[in-house]
Structure formats: C-alpha cells, structure tokens
Amino acid sequence: MKKNWMPITAGIFEIICCLYAIIQFRYVGLGIVFFLPLAAISSIAILVTLVCSIPIFYRKYWLFAFIGSISSIVACIPIIIMQNLARSHFSEIEFILSWCAVVLGAFAVILMALSRKQFERKETNSRQVT
C-alpha cells in the first residue's frame, strides 16, 4: 500500500497544538487558583498527545495515534477557557492563535481518521503450519 502524507501531517499538527499549549502555560502562574484544574487537564492531555503521537511516524497502532489527535484538541480547550476568564492578561492575537490551534487539532483528527488504512495491522493466524 502506498504511504502518503496524511499521518505525518496529522502528527505535525498534533505537535504544533501541544507546543502552543505549553507556551500558553506561562499564564498559569498568575496566582489565580481556579486555573490549576484547567492546567492539570491541559497538561495531562499534552502528555497523552506527545506519547500517542510517536506511533504516527512508524505507522503503527492507529488507535493510539487517533487518541493522540483527539487529546491535542483537549489540550487547547482549557487554554481558551483560561483566556476567557482572564481577558486582561491576554491579547486578541493569542485568543485567535488558540482557536487556530484547535482547528489544527481538528484537522489532525480528520487526517488520522482518513489514514487508518495506512497503519500496519498485525494479523494473527492461529493455524500456522510448521
């Protein structure tokens, strides 16, 4: 089967979403207590995305790669909520960039769904003749 660009592009989109979420964590230290649960959700989603995006480049374990693309969106949503709660600390361009990161995550989910056939499947054959 011909391997094309879709899984690699999805993996790059996932990593860009995670990097943007990591960059936006500088506002967690504002001293506002209700940001901590949102930061915890986002940081767990970032870790899941980074761990699950590794199989994309080897084209193995499609389910892990798909979970990673979904969690790239989940990593950016708490950032948008934090930006809405503390509008005075964020500029308008950061708000727009956050939504662009969510759109990139959505594209990653779509590309991963479309490229399912490109991932290896380990076929189990229980009746092997030796």
N, C-alpha and C. Protein backbone atom coordinates (compact mmCIF):
# COMPACT_ATOMS: atom_id res chain seq x y z
N MET A 1 0.83 -1.18 0.00
CA MET A 1 0.00 0.00 0.00
C MET A 1 0.88 1.25 0.00
N LYS A 2 0.48 2.18 -0.80
CA LYS A 2 1.24 3.42 -0.90
C LYS A 2 1.03 4.25 0.36
N LYS A 3 2.13 4.69 0.93
CA LYS A 3 2.05 5.52 2.12
C LYS A 3 2.13 6.98 1.69
N ASN A 4 1.17 7.76 2.11
CA ASN A 4 1.19 9.16 1.71
C ASN A 4 1.35 10.07 2.92
N TRP A 5 1.02 11.30 2.77
CA TRP A 5 1.39 12.37 3.68
C TRP A 5 0.45 12.55 4.86
N MET A 6 -0.72 11.96 4.86
CA MET A 6 -1.73 12.29 5.86
C MET A 6 -1.34 11.99 7.31
N PRO A 7 -0.81 10.82 7.64
CA PRO A 7 -0.47 10.59 9.05
C PRO A 7 0.66 11.49 9.55
N ILE A 8 1.64 11.73 8.72
CA ILE A 8 2.75 12.58 9.13
C ILE A 8 2.27 14.02 9.36
N THR A 9 1.41 14.50 8.48
CA THR A 9 0.87 15.84 8.64
C THR A 9 0.03 15.94 9.90
N ALA A 10 -0.75 14.91 10.18
CA ALA A 10 -1.54 14.89 11.41
C ALA A 10 -0.64 14.92 12.64
N GLY A 11 0.45 14.17 12.60
CA GLY A 11 1.39 14.18 13.72
C GLY A 11 2.04 15.54 13.92
N ILE A 12 2.37 16.20 12.84
CA ILE A 12 2.95 17.54 12.94
C ILE A 12 1.93 18.52 13.51
N PHE A 13 0.67 18.41 13.08
CA PHE A 13 -0.38 19.28 13.62
C PHE A 13 -0.56 19.04 15.12
N GLU A 14 -0.51 17.79 15.54
CA GLU A 14 -0.63 17.47 16.97
C GLU A 14 0.50 18.11 17.77
N ILE A 15 1.70 18.00 17.27
CA ILE A 15 2.85 18.55 17.99
C ILE A 15 2.77 20.07 18.05
N ILE A 16 2.30 20.70 16.98
CA ILE A 16 2.13 22.16 17.00
C ILE A 16 1.11 22.57 18.04
N CYS A 17 0.00 21.83 18.14
CA CYS A 17 -1.01 22.13 19.17
C CYS A 17 -0.42 22.01 20.57
N CYS A 18 0.35 20.96 20.79
CA CYS A 18 0.97 20.78 22.11
C CYS A 18 1.97 21.87 22.43
N LEU A 19 2.78 22.24 21.46
CA LEU A 19 3.75 23.30 21.70
C LEU A 19 3.06 24.62 22.01
N TYR A 20 1.97 24.91 21.33
CA TYR A 20 1.24 26.14 21.62
C TYR A 20 0.65 26.10 23.03
N ALA A 21 0.11 24.95 23.43
CA ALA A 21 -0.44 24.83 24.78
C ALA A 21 0.66 24.98 25.83
N ILE A 22 1.83 24.44 25.57
CA ILE A 22 2.94 24.58 26.51
C ILE A 22 3.38 26.04 26.61
N ILE A 23 3.42 26.73 25.49
CA ILE A 23 3.80 28.15 25.50
C ILE A 23 2.79 28.96 26.30
N GLN A 24 1.52 28.64 26.20
CA GLN A 24 0.49 29.40 26.90
C GLN A 24 0.43 29.10 28.39
N PHE A 25 1.19 28.13 28.88
CA PHE A 25 1.20 27.82 30.31
C PHE A 25 1.87 28.91 31.14
N ARG A 26 2.43 29.89 30.54
CA ARG A 26 3.07 30.94 31.33
C ARG A 26 2.05 31.72 32.13
N TYR A 27 0.76 31.62 31.76
CA TYR A 27 -0.27 32.33 32.49
C TYR A 27 -0.85 31.55 33.65
N VAL A 28 -0.42 30.33 33.83
CA VAL A 28 -0.90 29.55 34.97
C VAL A 28 -0.34 30.13 36.25
N GLY A 29 0.80 30.73 36.20
CA GLY A 29 1.43 31.30 37.39
C GLY A 29 0.91 32.66 37.77
N LEU A 30 -0.26 33.04 37.31
CA LEU A 30 -0.82 34.34 37.66
C LEU A 30 -1.32 34.41 39.10
N GLY A 31 -1.40 33.27 39.76
CA GLY A 31 -1.88 33.27 41.13
C GLY A 31 -3.37 33.06 41.25
N ILE A 32 -4.03 32.79 40.16
CA ILE A 32 -5.46 32.55 40.20
C ILE A 32 -5.69 31.06 40.43
N VAL A 33 -6.36 30.73 41.51
CA VAL A 33 -6.45 29.35 41.95
C VAL A 33 -7.28 28.49 41.00
N PHE A 34 -8.32 29.05 40.41
CA PHE A 34 -9.18 28.22 39.57
C PHE A 34 -8.55 27.88 38.23
N PHE A 35 -7.36 28.37 37.93
CA PHE A 35 -6.65 27.95 36.73
C PHE A 35 -5.98 26.59 36.90
N LEU A 36 -5.75 26.18 38.14
CA LEU A 36 -5.00 24.95 38.37
C LEU A 36 -5.69 23.69 37.84
N PRO A 37 -7.01 23.51 38.04
CA PRO A 37 -7.63 22.32 37.44
C PRO A 37 -7.60 22.34 35.91
N LEU A 38 -7.76 23.51 35.34
CA LEU A 38 -7.67 23.61 33.88
C LEU A 38 -6.26 23.30 33.39
N ALA A 39 -5.28 23.76 34.14
CA ALA A 39 -3.89 23.47 33.77
C ALA A 39 -3.59 21.98 33.92
N ALA A 40 -4.18 21.35 34.92
CA ALA A 40 -3.97 19.91 35.09
C ALA A 40 -4.57 19.13 33.92
N ILE A 41 -5.77 19.50 33.52
CA ILE A 41 -6.40 18.83 32.38
C ILE A 41 -5.56 19.02 31.12
N SER A 42 -5.12 20.24 30.89
CA SER A 42 -4.33 20.52 29.70
C SER A 42 -2.98 19.81 29.73
N SER A 43 -2.34 19.77 30.88
CA SER A 43 -1.03 19.12 30.93
C SER A 43 -1.14 17.61 30.75
N ILE A 44 -2.18 17.00 31.28
CA ILE A 44 -2.38 15.56 31.05
C ILE A 44 -2.65 15.30 29.57
N ALA A 45 -3.45 16.15 28.96
CA ALA A 45 -3.73 15.99 27.53
C ALA A 45 -2.48 16.20 26.68
N ILE A 46 -1.62 17.11 27.10
CA ILE A 46 -0.36 17.32 26.38
C ILE A 46 0.51 16.07 26.46
N LEU A 47 0.62 15.49 27.64
CA LEU A 47 1.43 14.27 27.79
C LEU A 47 0.86 13.13 26.97
N VAL A 48 -0.46 12.97 26.98
CA VAL A 48 -1.09 11.91 26.19
C VAL A 48 -0.82 12.13 24.70
N THR A 49 -0.93 13.38 24.27
CA THR A 49 -0.70 13.67 22.85
C THR A 49 0.74 13.37 22.45
N LEU A 50 1.68 13.79 23.27
CA LEU A 50 3.08 13.57 22.91
C LEU A 50 3.44 12.09 22.91
N VAL A 51 2.90 11.33 23.86
CA VAL A 51 3.19 9.89 23.90
C VAL A 51 2.49 9.16 22.76
N CYS A 52 1.26 9.54 22.49
CA CYS A 52 0.49 8.85 21.45
C CYS A 52 0.85 9.29 20.04
N SER A 53 1.59 10.35 19.88
CA SER A 53 1.97 10.76 18.52
C SER A 53 3.23 10.05 18.03
N ILE A 54 3.90 9.33 18.89
CA ILE A 54 5.09 8.59 18.47
C ILE A 54 4.76 7.49 17.45
N PRO A 55 3.67 6.70 17.63
CA PRO A 55 3.39 5.66 16.62
C PRO A 55 3.01 6.19 15.24
N ILE A 56 2.68 7.46 15.15
CA ILE A 56 2.31 8.01 13.85
C ILE A 56 3.48 7.93 12.89
N PHE A 57 4.67 8.25 13.36
CA PHE A 57 5.82 8.29 12.47
C PHE A 57 6.31 6.90 12.08
N TYR A 58 5.90 5.87 12.84
CA TYR A 58 6.21 4.49 12.48
C TYR A 58 5.04 3.80 11.81
N ARG A 59 3.90 4.49 11.74
CA ARG A 59 2.66 3.98 11.18
C ARG A 59 2.24 2.67 11.82
N LYS A 60 2.25 2.67 13.14
CA LYS A 60 1.77 1.54 13.91
C LYS A 60 0.76 2.05 14.93
N TYR A 61 -0.09 1.18 15.38
CA TYR A 61 -1.05 1.46 16.45
C TYR A 61 -1.92 2.67 16.13
N TRP A 62 -2.82 2.49 15.18
CA TRP A 62 -3.68 3.58 14.75
C TRP A 62 -4.53 4.13 15.90
N LEU A 63 -5.00 3.27 16.78
CA LEU A 63 -5.87 3.74 17.87
C LEU A 63 -5.13 4.71 18.78
N PHE A 64 -3.88 4.42 19.11
CA PHE A 64 -3.10 5.36 19.93
C PHE A 64 -2.90 6.68 19.21
N ALA A 65 -2.64 6.60 17.93
CA ALA A 65 -2.44 7.83 17.15
C ALA A 65 -3.73 8.65 17.09
N PHE A 66 -4.86 7.98 16.99
CA PHE A 66 -6.14 8.68 16.95
C PHE A 66 -6.46 9.31 18.30
N ILE A 67 -6.17 8.60 19.38
CA ILE A 67 -6.36 9.15 20.73
C ILE A 67 -5.47 10.38 20.92
N GLY A 68 -4.27 10.33 20.40
CA GLY A 68 -3.37 11.48 20.48
C GLY A 68 -3.89 12.68 19.73
N SER A 69 -4.51 12.45 18.58
CA SER A 69 -5.05 13.59 17.83
C SER A 69 -6.26 14.19 18.53
N ILE A 70 -7.07 13.37 19.17
CA ILE A 70 -8.20 13.91 19.93
C ILE A 70 -7.70 14.69 21.15
N SER A 71 -6.69 14.17 21.82
CA SER A 71 -6.19 14.86 23.01
C SER A 71 -5.44 16.14 22.66
N SER A 72 -5.03 16.31 21.40
CA SER A 72 -4.43 17.60 21.03
C SER A 72 -5.47 18.71 21.05
N ILE A 73 -6.72 18.38 20.75
CA ILE A 73 -7.79 19.37 20.89
C ILE A 73 -8.08 19.61 22.36
N VAL A 74 -8.11 18.54 23.13
CA VAL A 74 -8.40 18.66 24.57
C VAL A 74 -7.32 19.48 25.27
N ALA A 75 -6.11 19.46 24.77
CA ALA A 75 -5.04 20.24 25.38
C ALA A 75 -5.23 21.73 25.18
N CYS A 76 -5.89 22.12 24.09
CA CYS A 76 -6.04 23.56 23.79
C CYS A 76 -7.32 24.16 24.35
N ILE A 77 -8.34 23.37 24.60
CA ILE A 77 -9.61 23.91 25.10
C ILE A 77 -9.45 24.57 26.47
N PRO A 78 -8.74 23.98 27.46
CA PRO A 78 -8.57 24.70 28.73
C PRO A 78 -7.80 26.01 28.59
N ILE A 79 -6.92 26.10 27.60
CA ILE A 79 -6.22 27.35 27.36
C ILE A 79 -7.21 28.44 26.95
N ILE A 80 -8.17 28.09 26.10
CA ILE A 80 -9.17 29.06 25.68
C ILE A 80 -10.04 29.47 26.86
N ILE A 81 -10.38 28.52 27.71
CA ILE A 81 -11.18 28.85 28.90
C ILE A 81 -10.41 29.79 29.82
N MET A 82 -9.12 29.52 30.01
CA MET A 82 -8.30 30.40 30.84
C MET A 82 -8.22 31.80 30.23
N GLN A 83 -8.14 31.87 28.91
CA GLN A 83 -8.08 33.17 28.26
C GLN A 83 -9.38 33.94 28.41
N ASN A 84 -10.50 33.24 28.41
CA ASN A 84 -11.78 33.91 28.61
C ASN A 84 -11.96 34.39 30.04
N LEU A 85 -11.41 33.64 30.99
CA LEU A 85 -11.56 34.02 32.39
C LEU A 85 -10.65 35.17 32.78
N ALA A 86 -9.54 35.30 32.12
CA ALA A 86 -8.59 36.37 32.45
C ALA A 86 -8.29 37.17 31.18
N ARG A 87 -9.27 37.84 30.66
CA ARG A 87 -9.11 38.58 29.41
C ARG A 87 -8.10 39.72 29.51
N SER A 88 -7.88 40.26 30.68
CA SER A 88 -6.97 41.39 30.80
C SER A 88 -5.52 41.00 30.60
N HIS A 89 -5.19 39.71 30.76
CA HIS A 89 -3.81 39.26 30.64
C HIS A 89 -3.48 38.72 29.25
N PHE A 90 -4.47 38.62 28.37
CA PHE A 90 -4.25 38.03 27.06
C PHE A 90 -4.55 39.05 25.98
N SER A 91 -3.79 39.01 24.92
CA SER A 91 -4.08 39.88 23.79
C SER A 91 -5.04 39.17 22.84
N GLU A 92 -5.57 39.92 21.92
CA GLU A 92 -6.53 39.36 20.97
C GLU A 92 -5.87 38.35 20.04
N ILE A 93 -4.60 38.58 19.70
CA ILE A 93 -3.92 37.65 18.80
C ILE A 93 -3.69 36.30 19.47
N GLU A 94 -3.46 36.28 20.78
CA GLU A 94 -3.32 35.00 21.48
C GLU A 94 -4.62 34.22 21.49
N PHE A 95 -5.72 34.94 21.61
CA PHE A 95 -7.02 34.28 21.56
C PHE A 95 -7.27 33.67 20.18
N ILE A 96 -6.92 34.40 19.14
CA ILE A 96 -7.08 33.89 17.77
C ILE A 96 -6.16 32.70 17.53
N LEU A 97 -4.93 32.77 18.02
CA LEU A 97 -4.00 31.66 17.86
C LEU A 97 -4.47 30.41 18.59
N SER A 98 -5.14 30.59 19.71
CA SER A 98 -5.68 29.43 20.43
C SER A 98 -6.74 28.73 19.60
N TRP A 99 -7.60 29.49 18.98
CA TRP A 99 -8.61 28.87 18.12
C TRP A 99 -7.98 28.25 16.89
N CYS A 100 -6.90 28.82 16.39
CA CYS A 100 -6.19 28.20 15.27
C CYS A 100 -5.58 26.87 15.68
N ALA A 101 -5.10 26.78 16.91
CA ALA A 101 -4.57 25.51 17.41
C ALA A 101 -5.67 24.47 17.51
N VAL A 102 -6.86 24.87 17.92
CA VAL A 102 -7.98 23.92 17.97
C VAL A 102 -8.35 23.45 16.57
N VAL A 103 -8.32 24.36 15.60
CA VAL A 103 -8.61 23.98 14.21
C VAL A 103 -7.55 23.02 13.69
N LEU A 104 -6.28 23.26 14.03
CA LEU A 104 -5.23 22.32 13.63
C LEU A 104 -5.45 20.96 14.25
N GLY A 105 -5.88 20.94 15.50
CA GLY A 105 -6.20 19.66 16.15
C GLY A 105 -7.35 18.95 15.46
N ALA A 106 -8.35 19.72 15.03
CA ALA A 106 -9.47 19.11 14.31
C ALA A 106 -9.01 18.54 12.97
N PHE A 107 -8.13 19.26 12.29
CA PHE A 107 -7.57 18.73 11.04
C PHE A 107 -6.76 17.45 11.31
N ALA A 108 -6.07 17.41 12.44
CA ALA A 108 -5.31 16.20 12.78
C ALA A 108 -6.25 15.02 12.99
N VAL A 109 -7.38 15.25 13.64
CA VAL A 109 -8.35 14.17 13.84
C VAL A 109 -8.89 13.68 12.50
N ILE A 110 -9.22 14.62 11.62
CA ILE A 110 -9.75 14.24 10.30
C ILE A 110 -8.72 13.47 9.50
N LEU A 111 -7.48 13.95 9.50
CA LEU A 111 -6.44 13.25 8.74
C LEU A 111 -6.14 11.87 9.31
N MET A 112 -6.20 11.74 10.64
CA MET A 112 -5.97 10.42 11.23
C MET A 112 -7.10 9.47 10.89
N ALA A 113 -8.32 9.97 10.87
CA ALA A 113 -9.45 9.11 10.52
C ALA A 113 -9.36 8.65 9.06
N LEU A 114 -8.92 9.54 8.19
CA LEU A 114 -8.81 9.19 6.78
C LEU A 114 -7.63 8.27 6.47
N SER A 115 -6.62 8.27 7.32
CA SER A 115 -5.41 7.49 7.02
C SER A 115 -5.33 6.19 7.82
N ARG A 116 -6.46 5.68 8.24
CA ARG A 116 -6.44 4.46 9.06
C ARG A 116 -5.85 3.27 8.29
N LYS A 117 -6.10 3.18 7.01
CA LYS A 117 -5.63 2.03 6.23
C LYS A 117 -4.13 2.01 6.04
N GLN A 118 -3.46 3.11 6.32
CA GLN A 118 -2.01 3.17 6.12
C GLN A 118 -1.23 2.60 7.29
N PHE A 119 -1.88 2.33 8.38
CA PHE A 119 -1.20 1.79 9.54
C PHE A 119 -1.13 0.28 9.44
N GLU A 120 -0.04 -0.28 9.97
CA GLU A 120 0.16 -1.72 9.93
C GLU A 120 -0.85 -2.42 10.80
N ARG A 121 -1.27 -3.55 10.33
CA ARG A 121 -2.13 -4.40 11.15
C ARG A 121 -1.40 -5.71 11.35
N LYS A 122 -1.33 -6.12 12.59
CA LYS A 122 -0.73 -7.41 12.87
C LYS A 122 -1.83 -8.46 12.77
N GLU A 123 -1.72 -9.26 11.73
CA GLU A 123 -2.71 -10.29 11.52
C GLU A 123 -2.32 -11.52 12.32
N THR A 124 -3.23 -11.97 13.10
CA THR A 124 -2.97 -13.16 13.88
C THR A 124 -3.53 -14.36 13.15
N ASN A 125 -2.69 -15.29 12.90
CA ASN A 125 -3.10 -16.51 12.23
C ASN A 125 -2.86 -17.65 13.20
N SER A 126 -3.94 -18.14 13.77
CA SER A 126 -3.81 -19.15 14.80
C SER A 126 -3.49 -20.53 14.23
N ARG A 127 -3.71 -20.71 12.94
CA ARG A 127 -3.46 -22.03 12.34
C ARG A 127 -2.22 -21.96 11.45
N GLN A 128 -1.11 -21.84 12.05
CA GLN A 128 0.13 -21.82 11.28
C GLN A 128 0.69 -23.23 11.21
N VAL A 129 1.01 -23.65 10.01
CA VAL A 129 1.57 -24.98 9.80
C VAL A 129 3.08 -24.84 9.80
N THR A 130 3.72 -25.61 10.65
CA THR A 130 5.19 -25.55 10.70
C THR A 130 5.82 -26.70 10.01
